[in-house]
C-alpha atoms as a PDB file:
ATOM      1  CA  UNK A   1     103.156  31.820-102.117  1.00  0.00           C
ATOM      2  CA  UNK A   2     100.419  29.224-102.847  1.00  0.00           C
ATOM      3  CA  UNK A   3     100.175  25.800-101.197  1.00  0.00           C
ATOM      4  CA  UNK A   4     101.674  23.958-104.207  1.00  0.00           C
ATOM      5  CA  UNK A   5     104.859  26.272-104.530  1.00  0.00           C
ATOM      6  CA  UNK A   6     105.158  26.155-100.640  1.00  0.00           C
ATOM      7  CA  UNK A   7     105.350  22.270-100.694  1.00  0.00           C
ATOM      8  CA  UNK A   8     108.057  22.395-103.357  1.00  0.00           C
ATOM      9  CA  UNK A   9     109.859  25.283-101.692  1.00  0.00           C
ATOM     10  CA  UNK A  10     110.289  23.633 -98.317  1.00  0.00           C
ATOM     11  CA  UNK A  11     112.110  20.771 -99.840  1.00  0.00           C
ATOM     12  CA  UNK A  12     114.380  22.633-102.258  1.00  0.00           C
ATOM     13  CA  UNK A  13     112.693  21.538-105.424  1.00  0.00           C
ATOM     14  CA  UNK A  14     110.973  23.552-107.921  1.00  0.00           C
ATOM     15  CA  UNK A  15     108.144  20.957-107.971  1.00  0.00           C
ATOM     16  CA  UNK A  16     105.329  19.948-105.662  1.00  0.00           C
ATOM     17  CA  UNK A  17     106.579  17.595-103.085  1.00  0.00           C
ATOM     18  CA  UNK A  18     105.103  16.081 -99.793  1.00  0.00           C
ATOM     19  CA  UNK A  19     106.087  13.545 -97.138  1.00  0.00           C
ATOM     20  CA  UNK A  20     103.554  11.232 -95.561  1.00  0.00           C
ATOM     21  CA  UNK A  21     103.215   7.588 -94.810  1.00  0.00           C
ATOM     22  CA  UNK A  22     100.727   5.273 -96.385  1.00  0.00           C
ATOM     23  CA  UNK A  23      99.920   1.484 -95.974  1.00  0.00           C
ATOM     24  CA  UNK A  24     100.421  -0.689 -98.882  1.00  0.00           C
ATOM     25  CA  UNK A  25      97.222  -2.693 -99.566  1.00  0.00           C
ATOM     26  CA  UNK A  26      96.425  -5.688-101.774  1.00  0.00           C
ATOM     27  CA  UNK A  27      98.288  -5.752-105.106  1.00  0.00           C
ATOM     28  CA  UNK A  28     100.727  -3.250-103.904  1.00  0.00           C
ATOM     29  CA  UNK A  29      98.364  -0.311-104.133  1.00  0.00           C
ATOM     30  CA  UNK A  30      98.673   2.857-101.942  1.00  0.00           C
ATOM     31  CA  UNK A  31      96.219   5.673-101.282  1.00  0.00           C
ATOM     32  CA  UNK A  32      97.209   9.238-101.500  1.00  0.00           C
ATOM     33  CA  UNK A  33      95.766  11.211 -98.664  1.00  0.00           C
ATOM     34  CA  UNK A  34      92.787  13.396 -99.863  1.00  0.00           C
ATOM     35  CA  UNK A  35      94.145  16.572 -98.543  1.00  0.00           C
ATOM     36  CA  UNK A  36      97.329  16.042-100.593  1.00  0.00           C
ATOM     37  CA  UNK A  37      95.263  15.217-103.637  1.00  0.00           C
ATOM     38  CA  UNK A  38      93.110  18.350-103.315  1.00  0.00           C
ATOM     39  CA  UNK A  39      96.152  20.520-102.531  1.00  0.00           C
ATOM     40  CA  UNK A  40      98.156  19.560-105.629  1.00  0.00           C
ATOM     41  CA  UNK A  41      95.189  18.981-107.875  1.00  0.00           C
ATOM     42  CA  UNK A  42      95.531  15.083-108.394  1.00  0.00           C
ATOM     43  CA  UNK A  43      92.542  13.812-110.282  1.00  0.00           C
ATOM     44  CA  UNK A  44      91.541  10.154-111.347  1.00  0.00           C
ATOM     45  CA  UNK A  45      93.774   8.807-114.232  1.00  0.00           C
ATOM     46  CA  UNK A  46      96.642  11.215-113.435  1.00  0.00           C
ATOM     47  CA  UNK A  47      99.959   9.954-113.209  1.00  0.00           C
ATOM     48  CA  UNK A  48     102.236  10.948-110.301  1.00  0.00           C
ATOM     49  CA  UNK A  49     105.968  10.551-109.736  1.00  0.00           C
ATOM     50  CA  UNK A  50     106.813   8.883-106.242  1.00  0.00           C
ATOM     51  CA  UNK A  51     109.948   8.437-104.308  1.00  0.00           C
ATOM     52  CA  UNK A  52     110.374   5.783-101.659  1.00  0.00           C
ATOM     53  CA  UNK A  53     112.102   7.210 -98.671  1.00  0.00           C
ATOM     54  CA  UNK A  54     111.780   4.345 -96.192  1.00  0.00           C
ATOM     55  CA  UNK A  55     109.902   1.091 -95.717  1.00  0.00           C
ATOM     56  CA  UNK A  56     108.435   0.659 -92.311  1.00  0.00           C
ATOM     57  CA  UNK A  57     107.593  -2.944 -91.701  1.00  0.00           C
ATOM     58  CA  UNK A  58     104.598  -3.890 -89.522  1.00  0.00           C
ATOM     59  CA  UNK A  59     105.683  -5.458 -86.197  1.00  0.00           C
ATOM     60  CA  UNK A  60     104.470  -9.126 -86.332  1.00  0.00           C
ATOM     61  CA  UNK A  61     102.804 -10.368 -83.118  1.00  0.00           C
ATOM     62  CA  UNK A  62     104.252 -13.271 -81.217  1.00  0.00           C
ATOM     63  CA  UNK A  63     102.165 -16.503 -80.706  1.00  0.00           C
ATOM     64  CA  UNK A  64     101.728 -15.424 -77.027  1.00  0.00           C
ATOM     65  CA  UNK A  65     100.338 -11.932 -77.993  1.00  0.00           C
ATOM     66  CA  UNK A  66      97.813 -13.557 -80.436  1.00  0.00           C
ATOM     67  CA  UNK A  67      96.710 -15.930 -77.877  1.00  0.00           C
ATOM     68  CA  UNK A  68      96.095 -13.176 -75.358  1.00  0.00           C
ATOM     69  CA  UNK A  69      94.210 -11.270 -77.980  1.00  0.00           C
ATOM     70  CA  UNK A  70      92.005 -14.162 -78.808  1.00  0.00           C
ATOM     71  CA  UNK A  71      91.264 -14.753 -75.110  1.00  0.00           C
ATOM     72  CA  UNK A  72      90.402 -11.128 -74.694  1.00  0.00           C
ATOM     73  CA  UNK A  73      87.988 -11.193 -77.522  1.00  0.00           C
ATOM     74  CA  UNK A  74      86.179 -14.355 -76.369  1.00  0.00           C
ATOM     75  CA  UNK A  75      86.017 -13.107 -72.709  1.00  0.00           C
ATOM     76  CA  UNK A  76      84.154 -10.080 -73.788  1.00  0.00           C
ATOM     77  CA  UNK A  77      81.550 -11.905 -75.846  1.00  0.00           C
END
């Protein structure tokens, strides 16, 4: 079974599917990992169908944590 079929087979689909986490950057853009693009043959200007499984929020630093970070940087200078 080739890589494309194996990905779909593991998830019960007759399609290619892969699960990975990516960071959303400016304008809501995400980058698909190169290994995944190469494995499934995604090229520039292709369209892909995506499913959002979960949104993982970045933990916001407290004022105290930010203050310690600033002091640590200035002390190391």
